[in-house]
């Protein structure tokens, strides 16, 4: 997919193919040929503000008491889909990242609904193959800004909640408005990768994005 230029002449990569881990725009996307790209709006010591263009995903819901359990259940369904469990019998490679929508209000004695999504490859963004499993569906991610906190290691229930808490506290201190109903746990690596893993927590920006008083503004089109 080719980069697009907006009316101001700034170049935005709507859906690019990542083929080299040395690419600075996707240094944490080294295992996937196709990786979701973004425009970096600004950065603070505690978080980044990114802009993502609209994309289509294949999704499924899983009910579980823990993020890891729900994500594993949902991952198997989605992996079967990209391995040929669709009406066309199409097989395609994993993309990155994998998104898990995590509800903010979770009661200890009740399971939560986790929504896990795979980014559809660029060749299937418009007409994806129909899943054979009726628990899978397509979801459209709108054009959006997000607050992002990155961390390494493994994306477990406790680590995801911890970094979501740290990010939300930083945003509240900055008087930033964001969607409090859920956050996204975002993973870029396969379970086989042991070192230099990269995970993120996202909150959706509401209103104008805020980087705080001390921030590093970046030119439009910077990834």
N, C-alpha and C. Protein backbone atom coordinates (compact mmCIF):
# COMPACT_ATOMS: atom_id res chain seq x y z
N UNK A 1 0.84 -1.19 0.00
CA UNK A 1 0.00 0.00 0.00
C UNK A 1 0.88 1.24 0.00
N UNK A 2 0.53 2.21 -0.81
CA UNK A 2 1.35 3.40 -0.94
C UNK A 2 0.95 4.46 0.07
N UNK A 3 1.91 5.27 0.55
CA UNK A 3 1.56 6.41 1.41
C UNK A 3 0.65 7.37 0.65
N UNK A 4 -0.18 8.08 1.39
CA UNK A 4 -1.09 9.05 0.81
C UNK A 4 -0.72 10.45 1.28
N UNK A 5 -0.97 11.43 0.44
CA UNK A 5 -0.70 12.82 0.81
C UNK A 5 -2.03 13.52 1.04
N UNK A 6 -2.12 14.28 2.14
CA UNK A 6 -3.34 15.03 2.39
C UNK A 6 -3.26 16.38 1.69
N UNK A 7 -4.28 17.23 1.93
CA UNK A 7 -4.35 18.51 1.22
C UNK A 7 -3.18 19.43 1.55
N UNK A 8 -2.57 19.23 2.72
CA UNK A 8 -1.46 20.10 3.10
C UNK A 8 -0.14 19.62 2.52
N UNK A 9 -0.16 18.43 1.88
CA UNK A 9 1.07 17.89 1.31
C UNK A 9 1.79 16.97 2.26
N UNK A 10 1.29 16.82 3.50
CA UNK A 10 1.94 15.93 4.45
C UNK A 10 1.67 14.49 4.06
N UNK A 11 2.66 13.65 4.19
CA UNK A 11 2.53 12.25 3.81
C UNK A 11 2.11 11.43 5.02
N UNK A 12 1.06 10.64 4.86
CA UNK A 12 0.57 9.78 5.91
C UNK A 12 0.53 8.35 5.41
N UNK A 13 1.11 7.43 6.16
CA UNK A 13 1.11 6.03 5.79
C UNK A 13 -0.12 5.37 6.38
N UNK A 14 -1.15 5.15 5.56
CA UNK A 14 -2.40 4.61 6.06
C UNK A 14 -2.25 3.16 6.45
N UNK A 15 -1.63 2.35 5.59
CA UNK A 15 -1.44 0.94 5.89
C UNK A 15 -0.20 0.51 5.13
N UNK A 16 0.91 0.43 5.81
CA UNK A 16 2.18 0.17 5.14
C UNK A 16 2.65 -1.25 5.40
N UNK A 17 3.56 -1.70 4.56
CA UNK A 17 4.14 -3.03 4.72
C UNK A 17 5.50 -2.89 5.38
N UNK A 18 5.67 -3.56 6.52
CA UNK A 18 6.93 -3.51 7.24
C UNK A 18 7.77 -4.72 6.84
N UNK A 19 8.87 -4.50 6.19
CA UNK A 19 9.70 -5.62 5.74
C UNK A 19 11.06 -5.64 6.44
N UNK A 20 11.38 -4.61 7.14
CA UNK A 20 12.70 -4.54 7.76
C UNK A 20 12.59 -4.07 9.19
N UNK A 21 13.18 -4.85 10.16
CA UNK A 21 13.11 -4.42 11.55
C UNK A 21 13.91 -3.17 11.83
N UNK A 22 14.79 -2.77 10.88
CA UNK A 22 15.58 -1.56 11.08
C UNK A 22 14.78 -0.31 10.76
N UNK A 23 13.59 -0.49 10.19
CA UNK A 23 12.74 0.65 9.89
C UNK A 23 12.32 1.31 11.19
N UNK A 24 12.66 2.59 11.37
CA UNK A 24 12.40 3.25 12.64
C UNK A 24 10.91 3.35 12.95
N UNK A 25 10.07 3.32 11.92
CA UNK A 25 8.64 3.43 12.16
C UNK A 25 8.04 2.14 12.69
N UNK A 26 8.76 1.05 12.59
CA UNK A 26 8.22 -0.24 13.00
C UNK A 26 9.30 -1.12 13.62
N UNK A 27 10.17 -0.54 14.42
CA UNK A 27 11.27 -1.29 15.01
C UNK A 27 10.78 -2.38 15.94
N UNK A 28 9.56 -2.22 16.49
CA UNK A 28 9.00 -3.24 17.36
C UNK A 28 8.04 -4.15 16.60
N UNK A 29 8.06 -4.09 15.28
CA UNK A 29 7.18 -4.90 14.43
C UNK A 29 8.01 -5.84 13.58
N UNK A 30 9.07 -6.39 14.11
CA UNK A 30 10.03 -7.13 13.31
C UNK A 30 9.53 -8.49 12.86
N UNK A 31 8.48 -9.03 13.47
CA UNK A 31 8.01 -10.37 13.11
C UNK A 31 6.90 -10.37 12.06
N UNK A 32 6.37 -9.23 11.71
CA UNK A 32 5.23 -9.16 10.80
C UNK A 32 5.58 -8.38 9.54
N UNK A 33 5.16 -8.91 8.38
CA UNK A 33 5.38 -8.22 7.12
C UNK A 33 4.48 -7.00 7.01
N UNK A 34 3.29 -7.07 7.60
CA UNK A 34 2.38 -5.93 7.57
C UNK A 34 2.07 -5.50 8.99
N UNK A 35 2.28 -4.23 9.26
CA UNK A 35 2.14 -3.70 10.61
C UNK A 35 1.40 -2.36 10.55
N UNK A 36 0.50 -2.15 11.49
CA UNK A 36 -0.26 -0.91 11.55
C UNK A 36 0.67 0.26 11.81
N UNK A 37 0.59 1.27 10.96
CA UNK A 37 1.45 2.44 11.07
C UNK A 37 0.68 3.62 11.66
N UNK A 38 1.41 4.62 12.09
CA UNK A 38 0.78 5.75 12.76
C UNK A 38 1.58 7.02 12.53
N UNK A 39 0.94 8.14 12.81
CA UNK A 39 1.63 9.43 12.88
C UNK A 39 1.82 9.76 14.35
N UNK A 40 3.04 10.02 14.74
CA UNK A 40 3.35 10.39 16.12
C UNK A 40 3.14 11.89 16.28
N UNK A 41 2.15 12.26 17.09
CA UNK A 41 1.81 13.67 17.28
C UNK A 41 2.78 14.35 18.25
N UNK A 42 3.01 13.73 19.38
CA UNK A 42 3.95 14.26 20.37
C UNK A 42 4.26 13.18 21.39
N UNK A 43 5.24 13.47 22.22
CA UNK A 43 5.72 12.49 23.19
C UNK A 43 6.09 13.19 24.49
N UNK A 44 5.76 12.57 25.62
CA UNK A 44 6.21 13.03 26.92
C UNK A 44 7.06 11.93 27.55
N UNK A 45 7.52 12.16 28.75
CA UNK A 45 8.28 11.12 29.45
C UNK A 45 7.40 9.94 29.84
N UNK A 46 6.08 10.13 29.83
CA UNK A 46 5.19 9.09 30.33
C UNK A 46 4.31 8.45 29.27
N UNK A 47 4.12 9.12 28.13
CA UNK A 47 3.26 8.55 27.10
C UNK A 47 3.49 9.23 25.76
N UNK A 48 2.94 8.61 24.71
CA UNK A 48 2.92 9.19 23.37
C UNK A 48 1.49 9.49 22.97
N UNK A 49 1.33 10.41 22.04
CA UNK A 49 0.04 10.63 21.38
C UNK A 49 0.23 10.25 19.92
N UNK A 50 -0.59 9.32 19.44
CA UNK A 50 -0.49 8.86 18.06
C UNK A 50 -1.81 9.07 17.33
N UNK A 51 -1.69 9.20 16.01
CA UNK A 51 -2.88 9.24 15.16
C UNK A 51 -2.89 8.01 14.27
N UNK A 52 -4.02 7.31 14.25
CA UNK A 52 -4.21 6.14 13.39
C UNK A 52 -5.32 6.42 12.40
N UNK A 53 -5.10 6.03 11.16
CA UNK A 53 -6.14 6.12 10.15
C UNK A 53 -7.08 4.93 10.27
N UNK A 54 -8.25 5.05 9.64
CA UNK A 54 -9.27 4.01 9.75
C UNK A 54 -8.79 2.69 9.13
N UNK A 55 -9.08 1.58 9.81
CA UNK A 55 -8.69 0.25 9.35
C UNK A 55 -9.77 -0.76 9.72
N UNK A 56 -9.72 -1.92 9.06
CA UNK A 56 -10.68 -2.99 9.34
C UNK A 56 -9.96 -4.17 10.00
N UNK A 57 -10.65 -4.78 10.96
CA UNK A 57 -10.10 -5.88 11.75
C UNK A 57 -11.07 -7.05 11.77
N UNK A 58 -10.57 -8.25 12.06
CA UNK A 58 -11.43 -9.39 12.34
C UNK A 58 -11.36 -9.62 13.85
N UNK A 59 -12.53 -9.77 14.47
CA UNK A 59 -12.60 -9.76 15.93
C UNK A 59 -13.42 -10.93 16.47
N UNK A 60 -13.24 -11.20 17.76
CA UNK A 60 -14.06 -12.18 18.46
C UNK A 60 -14.06 -11.84 19.94
N UNK A 61 -15.12 -12.23 20.64
CA UNK A 61 -15.26 -11.95 22.07
C UNK A 61 -15.04 -13.22 22.88
N UNK A 62 -14.46 -13.05 24.06
CA UNK A 62 -14.25 -14.18 24.96
C UNK A 62 -14.58 -13.75 26.38
N UNK A 63 -15.29 -14.59 27.10
CA UNK A 63 -15.65 -14.32 28.49
C UNK A 63 -14.69 -15.07 29.40
N UNK A 64 -14.02 -14.34 30.29
CA UNK A 64 -13.03 -14.97 31.16
C UNK A 64 -12.79 -14.09 32.38
N UNK A 65 -12.21 -14.70 33.41
CA UNK A 65 -11.88 -13.95 34.62
C UNK A 65 -10.55 -13.22 34.49
N UNK A 66 -9.69 -13.69 33.59
CA UNK A 66 -8.37 -13.08 33.43
C UNK A 66 -8.10 -12.78 31.96
N UNK A 67 -7.38 -11.71 31.73
CA UNK A 67 -7.03 -11.29 30.37
C UNK A 67 -6.33 -12.40 29.61
N UNK A 68 -5.34 -13.02 30.23
CA UNK A 68 -4.57 -14.06 29.54
C UNK A 68 -5.42 -15.22 29.07
N UNK A 69 -6.38 -15.64 29.90
CA UNK A 69 -7.25 -16.76 29.55
C UNK A 69 -8.16 -16.37 28.39
N UNK A 70 -8.80 -15.20 28.51
CA UNK A 70 -9.69 -14.74 27.45
C UNK A 70 -8.95 -14.53 26.14
N UNK A 71 -7.75 -13.95 26.20
CA UNK A 71 -6.98 -13.70 24.99
C UNK A 71 -6.57 -15.00 24.32
N UNK A 72 -6.22 -16.01 25.11
CA UNK A 72 -5.82 -17.30 24.54
C UNK A 72 -6.98 -17.97 23.81
N UNK A 73 -8.17 -17.92 24.42
CA UNK A 73 -9.36 -18.49 23.78
C UNK A 73 -9.65 -17.80 22.45
N UNK A 74 -9.64 -16.47 22.49
CA UNK A 74 -9.96 -15.70 21.29
C UNK A 74 -8.88 -15.83 20.22
N UNK A 75 -7.62 -15.89 20.65
CA UNK A 75 -6.51 -15.99 19.70
C UNK A 75 -6.64 -17.25 18.85
N UNK A 76 -7.01 -18.37 19.48
CA UNK A 76 -7.13 -19.62 18.74
C UNK A 76 -8.17 -19.51 17.62
N UNK A 77 -9.31 -18.87 17.92
CA UNK A 77 -10.34 -18.71 16.90
C UNK A 77 -9.83 -17.88 15.72
N UNK A 78 -9.17 -16.77 16.04
CA UNK A 78 -8.70 -15.88 14.99
C UNK A 78 -7.56 -16.52 14.19
N UNK A 79 -6.71 -17.29 14.87
CA UNK A 79 -5.60 -17.94 14.17
C UNK A 79 -6.13 -19.00 13.20
N UNK A 80 -7.18 -19.71 13.59
CA UNK A 80 -7.80 -20.67 12.68
C UNK A 80 -8.34 -19.95 11.45
N UNK A 81 -8.89 -18.76 11.65
CA UNK A 81 -9.43 -17.99 10.53
C UNK A 81 -8.35 -17.65 9.52
N UNK A 82 -7.20 -17.12 9.98
CA UNK A 82 -6.15 -16.75 9.04
C UNK A 82 -5.41 -17.97 8.49
N UNK A 83 -5.65 -19.14 9.12
CA UNK A 83 -5.02 -20.38 8.64
C UNK A 83 -5.90 -21.12 7.64
N UNK A 84 -7.03 -20.51 7.24
CA UNK A 84 -7.86 -21.10 6.21
C UNK A 84 -9.28 -21.41 6.61
N UNK A 85 -9.65 -21.16 7.88
CA UNK A 85 -11.02 -21.43 8.34
C UNK A 85 -11.93 -20.28 7.94
N UNK A 86 -12.05 -20.11 6.61
CA UNK A 86 -12.94 -19.11 6.05
C UNK A 86 -13.53 -19.69 4.77
N UNK A 87 -14.60 -19.10 4.28
CA UNK A 87 -15.34 -19.67 3.15
C UNK A 87 -14.52 -19.76 1.87
N UNK A 88 -13.52 -18.91 1.74
CA UNK A 88 -12.66 -18.95 0.56
C UNK A 88 -11.45 -19.86 0.75
N UNK A 89 -11.22 -20.33 1.98
CA UNK A 89 -10.06 -21.17 2.27
C UNK A 89 -8.74 -20.43 2.15
N UNK A 90 -8.79 -19.11 2.31
CA UNK A 90 -7.59 -18.28 2.16
C UNK A 90 -6.72 -18.37 3.42
N UNK A 91 -5.44 -18.50 3.21
CA UNK A 91 -4.47 -18.44 4.30
C UNK A 91 -3.65 -17.16 4.16
N UNK A 92 -3.44 -16.45 5.26
CA UNK A 92 -2.57 -15.27 5.19
C UNK A 92 -1.78 -15.13 6.48
N UNK A 93 -0.69 -14.37 6.39
CA UNK A 93 0.24 -14.24 7.50
C UNK A 93 -0.32 -13.35 8.61
N UNK A 94 0.23 -13.56 9.80
CA UNK A 94 -0.11 -12.69 10.93
C UNK A 94 0.30 -11.26 10.63
N UNK A 95 -0.52 -10.34 11.06
CA UNK A 95 -0.19 -8.92 11.04
C UNK A 95 0.07 -8.48 12.48
N UNK A 96 0.43 -7.24 12.64
CA UNK A 96 0.65 -6.70 13.98
C UNK A 96 0.14 -5.26 14.02
N UNK A 97 -0.32 -4.82 15.19
CA UNK A 97 -0.37 -5.58 16.44
C UNK A 97 -1.67 -6.36 16.59
N UNK A 98 -1.76 -7.11 17.69
CA UNK A 98 -3.00 -7.74 18.12
C UNK A 98 -3.60 -6.86 19.21
N UNK A 99 -4.89 -6.53 19.07
CA UNK A 99 -5.56 -5.67 20.04
C UNK A 99 -6.48 -6.49 20.93
N UNK A 100 -6.47 -6.17 22.21
CA UNK A 100 -7.43 -6.74 23.15
C UNK A 100 -8.14 -5.59 23.84
N UNK A 101 -9.45 -5.48 23.61
CA UNK A 101 -10.23 -4.45 24.30
C UNK A 101 -10.55 -4.93 25.70
N UNK A 102 -10.13 -4.17 26.70
CA UNK A 102 -10.26 -4.57 28.10
C UNK A 102 -11.21 -3.60 28.81
N UNK A 103 -12.30 -4.08 29.39
CA UNK A 103 -13.20 -3.16 30.11
C UNK A 103 -12.53 -2.64 31.38
N UNK A 104 -12.80 -1.40 31.72
CA UNK A 104 -12.19 -0.80 32.90
C UNK A 104 -12.81 -1.31 34.19
N UNK A 105 -14.13 -1.43 34.22
CA UNK A 105 -14.82 -1.86 35.43
C UNK A 105 -15.02 -3.37 35.40
N UNK A 106 -14.20 -4.08 36.15
CA UNK A 106 -14.29 -5.53 36.21
C UNK A 106 -14.49 -5.95 37.66
N UNK A 107 -15.57 -6.68 37.93
CA UNK A 107 -15.84 -7.17 39.28
C UNK A 107 -15.11 -8.49 39.52
N UNK A 108 -14.54 -8.62 40.70
CA UNK A 108 -13.72 -9.79 41.01
C UNK A 108 -14.48 -11.10 40.84
N UNK A 109 -15.77 -11.10 41.14
CA UNK A 109 -16.55 -12.33 41.13
C UNK A 109 -17.29 -12.57 39.83
N UNK A 110 -17.07 -11.72 38.84
CA UNK A 110 -17.73 -11.90 37.56
C UNK A 110 -16.70 -11.90 36.42
N UNK A 111 -16.90 -12.76 35.41
CA UNK A 111 -15.99 -12.72 34.26
C UNK A 111 -16.21 -11.46 33.43
N UNK A 112 -15.17 -11.08 32.72
CA UNK A 112 -15.25 -9.91 31.84
C UNK A 112 -15.31 -10.37 30.39
N UNK A 113 -15.78 -9.50 29.52
CA UNK A 113 -15.80 -9.76 28.09
C UNK A 113 -14.59 -9.07 27.46
N UNK A 114 -13.69 -9.87 26.91
CA UNK A 114 -12.52 -9.34 26.23
C UNK A 114 -12.71 -9.51 24.72
N UNK A 115 -12.44 -8.46 23.97
CA UNK A 115 -12.56 -8.50 22.51
C UNK A 115 -11.16 -8.46 21.91
N UNK A 116 -10.80 -9.52 21.21
CA UNK A 116 -9.48 -9.61 20.59
C UNK A 116 -9.62 -9.43 19.09
N UNK A 117 -8.71 -8.67 18.48
CA UNK A 117 -8.81 -8.34 17.06
C UNK A 117 -7.47 -8.51 16.36
N UNK A 118 -7.52 -9.09 15.15
CA UNK A 118 -6.37 -9.15 14.24
C UNK A 118 -6.59 -8.10 13.15
N UNK A 119 -5.55 -7.37 12.84
CA UNK A 119 -5.58 -6.44 11.72
C UNK A 119 -5.64 -7.22 10.41
N UNK A 120 -6.60 -6.91 9.55
CA UNK A 120 -6.68 -7.58 8.26
C UNK A 120 -5.57 -7.07 7.34
N UNK A 121 -4.93 -7.97 6.58
CA UNK A 121 -3.89 -7.54 5.65
C UNK A 121 -4.44 -6.54 4.64
N UNK A 122 -3.56 -5.75 4.06
CA UNK A 122 -3.98 -4.71 3.13
C UNK A 122 -4.76 -5.28 1.95
N UNK A 123 -4.43 -6.49 1.51
CA UNK A 123 -5.12 -7.10 0.37
C UNK A 123 -6.57 -7.46 0.69
N UNK A 124 -6.90 -7.54 1.98
CA UNK A 124 -8.25 -7.95 2.39
C UNK A 124 -8.95 -6.88 3.23
N UNK A 125 -8.44 -5.66 3.22
CA UNK A 125 -9.09 -4.59 3.96
C UNK A 125 -10.49 -4.30 3.42
N UNK A 126 -10.66 -4.35 2.11
CA UNK A 126 -11.94 -4.02 1.51
C UNK A 126 -12.88 -5.22 1.47
N UNK A 127 -12.37 -6.39 1.09
CA UNK A 127 -13.20 -7.58 0.95
C UNK A 127 -12.55 -8.77 1.66
N UNK A 128 -12.66 -8.85 2.95
CA UNK A 128 -12.05 -9.96 3.69
C UNK A 128 -12.84 -11.25 3.48
N UNK A 129 -12.17 -12.41 3.52
CA UNK A 129 -12.89 -13.67 3.41
C UNK A 129 -13.82 -13.89 4.59
N UNK A 130 -14.98 -14.47 4.35
CA UNK A 130 -16.00 -14.67 5.37
C UNK A 130 -15.60 -15.78 6.33
N UNK A 131 -15.63 -15.55 7.63
CA UNK A 131 -15.27 -16.61 8.59
C UNK A 131 -16.29 -17.75 8.56
N UNK A 132 -15.82 -18.97 8.83
CA UNK A 132 -16.73 -20.11 8.98
C UNK A 132 -17.22 -20.23 10.42
N UNK A 133 -16.52 -19.60 11.34
CA UNK A 133 -16.91 -19.59 12.75
C UNK A 133 -17.81 -18.37 13.00
N UNK A 134 -19.04 -18.62 13.45
CA UNK A 134 -19.98 -17.50 13.64
C UNK A 134 -19.65 -16.63 14.84
N UNK A 135 -18.61 -16.96 15.60
CA UNK A 135 -18.18 -16.13 16.71
C UNK A 135 -17.21 -15.03 16.26
N UNK A 136 -16.84 -15.05 15.00
CA UNK A 136 -15.96 -14.03 14.46
C UNK A 136 -16.77 -13.00 13.67
N UNK A 137 -16.31 -11.77 13.69
CA UNK A 137 -16.97 -10.70 12.96
C UNK A 137 -15.94 -9.64 12.59
N UNK A 138 -16.32 -8.77 11.67
CA UNK A 138 -15.42 -7.70 11.23
C UNK A 138 -15.76 -6.41 11.97
N UNK A 139 -14.74 -5.68 12.36
CA UNK A 139 -14.94 -4.41 13.05
C UNK A 139 -14.10 -3.33 12.37
N UNK A 140 -14.66 -2.15 12.29
CA UNK A 140 -13.98 -1.02 11.66
C UNK A 140 -13.46 -0.07 12.73
N UNK A 141 -12.15 0.08 12.78
CA UNK A 141 -11.53 1.03 13.69
C UNK A 141 -11.54 2.40 13.03
N UNK A 142 -12.12 3.40 13.66
CA UNK A 142 -12.22 4.71 13.01
C UNK A 142 -10.89 5.46 13.01
N UNK A 143 -10.86 6.52 12.25
CA UNK A 143 -9.75 7.46 12.30
C UNK A 143 -9.69 8.01 13.72
N UNK A 144 -8.54 7.90 14.41
CA UNK A 144 -8.55 8.23 15.83
C UNK A 144 -7.16 8.61 16.33
N UNK A 145 -7.17 9.31 17.48
CA UNK A 145 -5.96 9.60 18.24
C UNK A 145 -5.97 8.75 19.50
N UNK A 146 -4.80 8.29 19.91
CA UNK A 146 -4.72 7.46 21.12
C UNK A 146 -3.54 7.91 21.98
N UNK A 147 -3.70 7.72 23.29
CA UNK A 147 -2.61 7.87 24.24
C UNK A 147 -1.98 6.50 24.43
N UNK A 148 -0.66 6.43 24.39
CA UNK A 148 0.04 5.14 24.37
C UNK A 148 1.13 5.10 25.44
N UNK A 149 1.15 4.00 26.20
CA UNK A 149 2.26 3.71 27.10
C UNK A 149 2.85 2.37 26.67
N UNK A 150 4.17 2.31 26.49
CA UNK A 150 4.84 1.09 26.05
C UNK A 150 5.56 0.41 27.21
N UNK A 151 5.64 -0.92 27.12
CA UNK A 151 6.40 -1.68 28.13
C UNK A 151 6.85 -3.00 27.52
N UNK A 152 7.85 -3.63 28.14
CA UNK A 152 8.39 -4.88 27.65
C UNK A 152 7.83 -6.08 28.39
N UNK A 153 8.46 -7.22 28.19
CA UNK A 153 8.05 -8.44 28.89
C UNK A 153 6.80 -9.05 28.29
N UNK A 154 6.02 -9.67 29.17
CA UNK A 154 4.84 -10.41 28.73
C UNK A 154 3.56 -9.64 29.09
N UNK A 155 2.59 -9.73 28.21
CA UNK A 155 1.32 -9.01 28.41
C UNK A 155 0.39 -9.91 29.23
N UNK A 156 0.49 -9.79 30.55
CA UNK A 156 -0.34 -10.56 31.46
C UNK A 156 -1.43 -9.66 32.04
N UNK A 157 -2.39 -10.27 32.72
CA UNK A 157 -3.47 -9.48 33.32
C UNK A 157 -2.91 -8.42 34.26
N UNK A 158 -1.98 -8.81 35.13
CA UNK A 158 -1.47 -7.89 36.15
C UNK A 158 -0.62 -6.79 35.52
N UNK A 159 0.20 -7.13 34.52
CA UNK A 159 1.05 -6.10 33.90
C UNK A 159 0.21 -5.14 33.06
N UNK A 160 -0.78 -5.68 32.36
CA UNK A 160 -1.64 -4.81 31.55
C UNK A 160 -2.40 -3.83 32.44
N UNK A 161 -2.97 -4.32 33.54
CA UNK A 161 -3.69 -3.44 34.45
C UNK A 161 -2.77 -2.40 35.08
N UNK A 162 -1.56 -2.82 35.44
CA UNK A 162 -0.61 -1.89 36.05
C UNK A 162 -0.29 -0.74 35.11
N UNK A 163 0.05 -1.06 33.86
CA UNK A 163 0.43 0.00 32.93
C UNK A 163 -0.76 0.84 32.49
N UNK A 164 -1.94 0.24 32.46
CA UNK A 164 -3.15 1.03 32.20
C UNK A 164 -3.37 2.03 33.33
N UNK A 165 -3.15 1.57 34.56
CA UNK A 165 -3.30 2.46 35.73
C UNK A 165 -2.28 3.59 35.68
N UNK A 166 -1.02 3.26 35.36
CA UNK A 166 0.02 4.29 35.29
C UNK A 166 -0.28 5.30 34.18
N UNK A 167 -0.77 4.82 33.05
CA UNK A 167 -1.10 5.73 31.95
C UNK A 167 -2.28 6.62 32.32
N UNK A 168 -3.32 6.05 32.90
CA UNK A 168 -4.49 6.86 33.25
C UNK A 168 -4.13 7.92 34.29
N UNK A 169 -3.26 7.58 35.23
CA UNK A 169 -2.83 8.57 36.23
C UNK A 169 -2.06 9.70 35.57
N UNK A 170 -1.19 9.37 34.62
CA UNK A 170 -0.43 10.41 33.92
C UNK A 170 -1.36 11.31 33.13
N UNK A 171 -2.38 10.73 32.51
CA UNK A 171 -3.33 11.53 31.73
C UNK A 171 -4.17 12.43 32.62
N UNK A 172 -4.55 11.93 33.78
CA UNK A 172 -5.33 12.75 34.71
C UNK A 172 -4.50 13.93 35.22
N UNK A 173 -3.21 13.67 35.48
CA UNK A 173 -2.34 14.76 35.91
C UNK A 173 -2.19 15.82 34.82
N UNK A 174 -2.23 15.38 33.57
CA UNK A 174 -2.10 16.30 32.44
C UNK A 174 -3.43 16.94 32.05
N UNK A 175 -4.51 16.59 32.80
CA UNK A 175 -5.86 17.10 32.52
C UNK A 175 -6.30 16.73 31.10
N UNK A 176 -5.93 15.53 30.67
CA UNK A 176 -6.30 15.03 29.36
C UNK A 176 -7.64 14.30 29.44
N UNK A 177 -8.44 14.45 28.41
CA UNK A 177 -9.73 13.76 28.34
C UNK A 177 -9.57 12.49 27.51
N UNK A 178 -10.06 11.37 28.04
CA UNK A 178 -9.95 10.10 27.33
C UNK A 178 -11.12 9.21 27.70
N UNK A 179 -11.32 8.16 26.91
CA UNK A 179 -12.42 7.22 27.13
C UNK A 179 -12.10 6.33 28.32
N UNK A 180 -12.90 6.44 29.38
CA UNK A 180 -12.64 5.70 30.62
C UNK A 180 -13.31 4.33 30.65
N UNK A 181 -14.12 3.99 29.65
CA UNK A 181 -14.88 2.74 29.72
C UNK A 181 -14.02 1.52 29.44
N UNK A 182 -12.97 1.70 28.64
CA UNK A 182 -12.11 0.56 28.30
C UNK A 182 -10.75 1.08 27.86
N UNK A 183 -9.78 0.18 27.84
CA UNK A 183 -8.50 0.47 27.23
C UNK A 183 -8.13 -0.71 26.34
N UNK A 184 -7.07 -0.56 25.57
CA UNK A 184 -6.60 -1.63 24.70
C UNK A 184 -5.26 -2.15 25.21
N UNK A 185 -5.18 -3.46 25.34
CA UNK A 185 -3.90 -4.13 25.57
C UNK A 185 -3.39 -4.54 24.20
N UNK A 186 -2.19 -4.12 23.86
CA UNK A 186 -1.69 -4.22 22.49
C UNK A 186 -0.38 -5.02 22.48
N UNK A 187 -0.36 -6.10 21.70
CA UNK A 187 0.84 -6.94 21.64
C UNK A 187 1.37 -7.04 20.23
N UNK A 188 2.70 -7.10 20.12
CA UNK A 188 3.35 -7.14 18.81
C UNK A 188 4.12 -8.43 18.54
N UNK A 189 4.30 -9.28 19.53
CA UNK A 189 5.22 -10.41 19.40
C UNK A 189 4.52 -11.75 19.54
N UNK A 190 5.07 -12.76 18.87
CA UNK A 190 4.57 -14.12 19.01
C UNK A 190 5.02 -14.69 20.36
N UNK A 191 4.33 -15.73 20.85
CA UNK A 191 4.73 -16.34 22.12
C UNK A 191 6.14 -16.93 22.09
N UNK A 192 6.66 -17.19 20.90
CA UNK A 192 7.99 -17.80 20.78
C UNK A 192 9.12 -16.80 20.99
N UNK A 193 8.82 -15.52 20.89
CA UNK A 193 9.86 -14.51 21.09
C UNK A 193 10.09 -14.29 22.57
N UNK A 194 11.30 -14.44 23.02
CA UNK A 194 11.60 -14.37 24.45
C UNK A 194 12.20 -13.03 24.87
N UNK A 195 12.97 -12.39 23.98
CA UNK A 195 13.67 -11.17 24.34
C UNK A 195 13.14 -9.99 23.53
N UNK A 196 13.34 -8.79 24.08
CA UNK A 196 12.97 -7.54 23.40
C UNK A 196 11.51 -7.53 22.95
N UNK A 197 10.64 -8.00 23.82
CA UNK A 197 9.21 -7.97 23.52
C UNK A 197 8.68 -6.55 23.69
N UNK A 198 7.61 -6.25 22.94
CA UNK A 198 7.04 -4.91 22.99
C UNK A 198 5.52 -4.99 23.14
N UNK A 199 5.02 -4.34 24.17
CA UNK A 199 3.58 -4.26 24.42
C UNK A 199 3.21 -2.81 24.65
N UNK A 200 1.91 -2.53 24.52
CA UNK A 200 1.42 -1.17 24.74
C UNK A 200 0.07 -1.20 25.43
N UNK A 201 -0.27 -0.06 26.04
CA UNK A 201 -1.62 0.21 26.53
C UNK A 201 -2.11 1.45 25.81
N UNK A 202 -3.35 1.40 25.31
CA UNK A 202 -3.93 2.54 24.62
C UNK A 202 -5.20 3.02 25.33
N UNK A 203 -5.35 4.34 25.39
CA UNK A 203 -6.63 4.97 25.73
C UNK A 203 -7.00 5.87 24.57
N UNK A 204 -8.28 5.86 24.19
CA UNK A 204 -8.75 6.70 23.10
C UNK A 204 -8.86 8.15 23.55
N UNK A 205 -8.33 9.05 22.75
CA UNK A 205 -8.38 10.49 23.05
C UNK A 205 -9.80 11.00 22.84
N UNK A 206 -10.25 11.81 23.77
CA UNK A 206 -11.51 12.54 23.60
C UNK A 206 -11.18 14.03 23.55
N UNK A 207 -11.70 14.71 22.55
CA UNK A 207 -11.36 16.12 22.38
C UNK A 207 -9.98 16.27 21.76
N UNK A 208 -9.32 17.37 22.08
CA UNK A 208 -7.98 17.60 21.56
C UNK A 208 -6.95 16.84 22.39
N UNK A 209 -5.97 16.20 21.74
CA UNK A 209 -4.94 15.47 22.50
C UNK A 209 -4.08 16.43 23.32
N UNK A 210 -3.63 15.95 24.47
CA UNK A 210 -2.84 16.75 25.41
C UNK A 210 -1.51 16.05 25.65
N UNK A 211 -0.43 16.82 25.53
CA UNK A 211 0.88 16.28 25.83
C UNK A 211 1.47 16.88 27.10
N UNK A 212 0.73 17.72 27.78
CA UNK A 212 1.26 18.34 28.98
C UNK A 212 2.09 19.58 28.64
N UNK A 213 2.61 20.22 29.67
CA UNK A 213 3.38 21.45 29.46
C UNK A 213 4.74 21.16 28.84
N UNK A 214 5.32 20.01 29.22
CA UNK A 214 6.63 19.66 28.67
C UNK A 214 6.43 18.52 27.69
N UNK A 215 6.56 18.79 26.40
CA UNK A 215 6.40 17.74 25.42
C UNK A 215 7.26 18.02 24.21
N UNK A 216 7.40 16.99 23.41
CA UNK A 216 8.18 17.11 22.18
C UNK A 216 7.24 17.08 21.00
N UNK A 217 6.89 18.22 20.40
CA UNK A 217 6.01 18.22 19.21
C UNK A 217 6.77 17.65 18.02
N UNK A 218 6.05 16.95 17.16
CA UNK A 218 6.67 16.34 15.99
C UNK A 218 5.95 16.82 14.74
N UNK A 219 6.67 16.95 13.64
CA UNK A 219 6.06 17.41 12.40
C UNK A 219 5.06 16.41 11.86
N UNK A 220 4.03 16.89 11.20
CA UNK A 220 3.01 16.02 10.61
C UNK A 220 3.65 15.04 9.66
N UNK A 221 3.20 13.75 9.75
CA UNK A 221 3.74 12.72 8.86
C UNK A 221 4.90 11.97 9.45
N UNK A 222 5.35 12.34 10.67
CA UNK A 222 6.44 11.61 11.31
C UNK A 222 5.90 10.33 11.93
N UNK A 223 6.56 9.20 11.69
CA UNK A 223 6.11 7.93 12.21
C UNK A 223 7.05 7.51 13.33
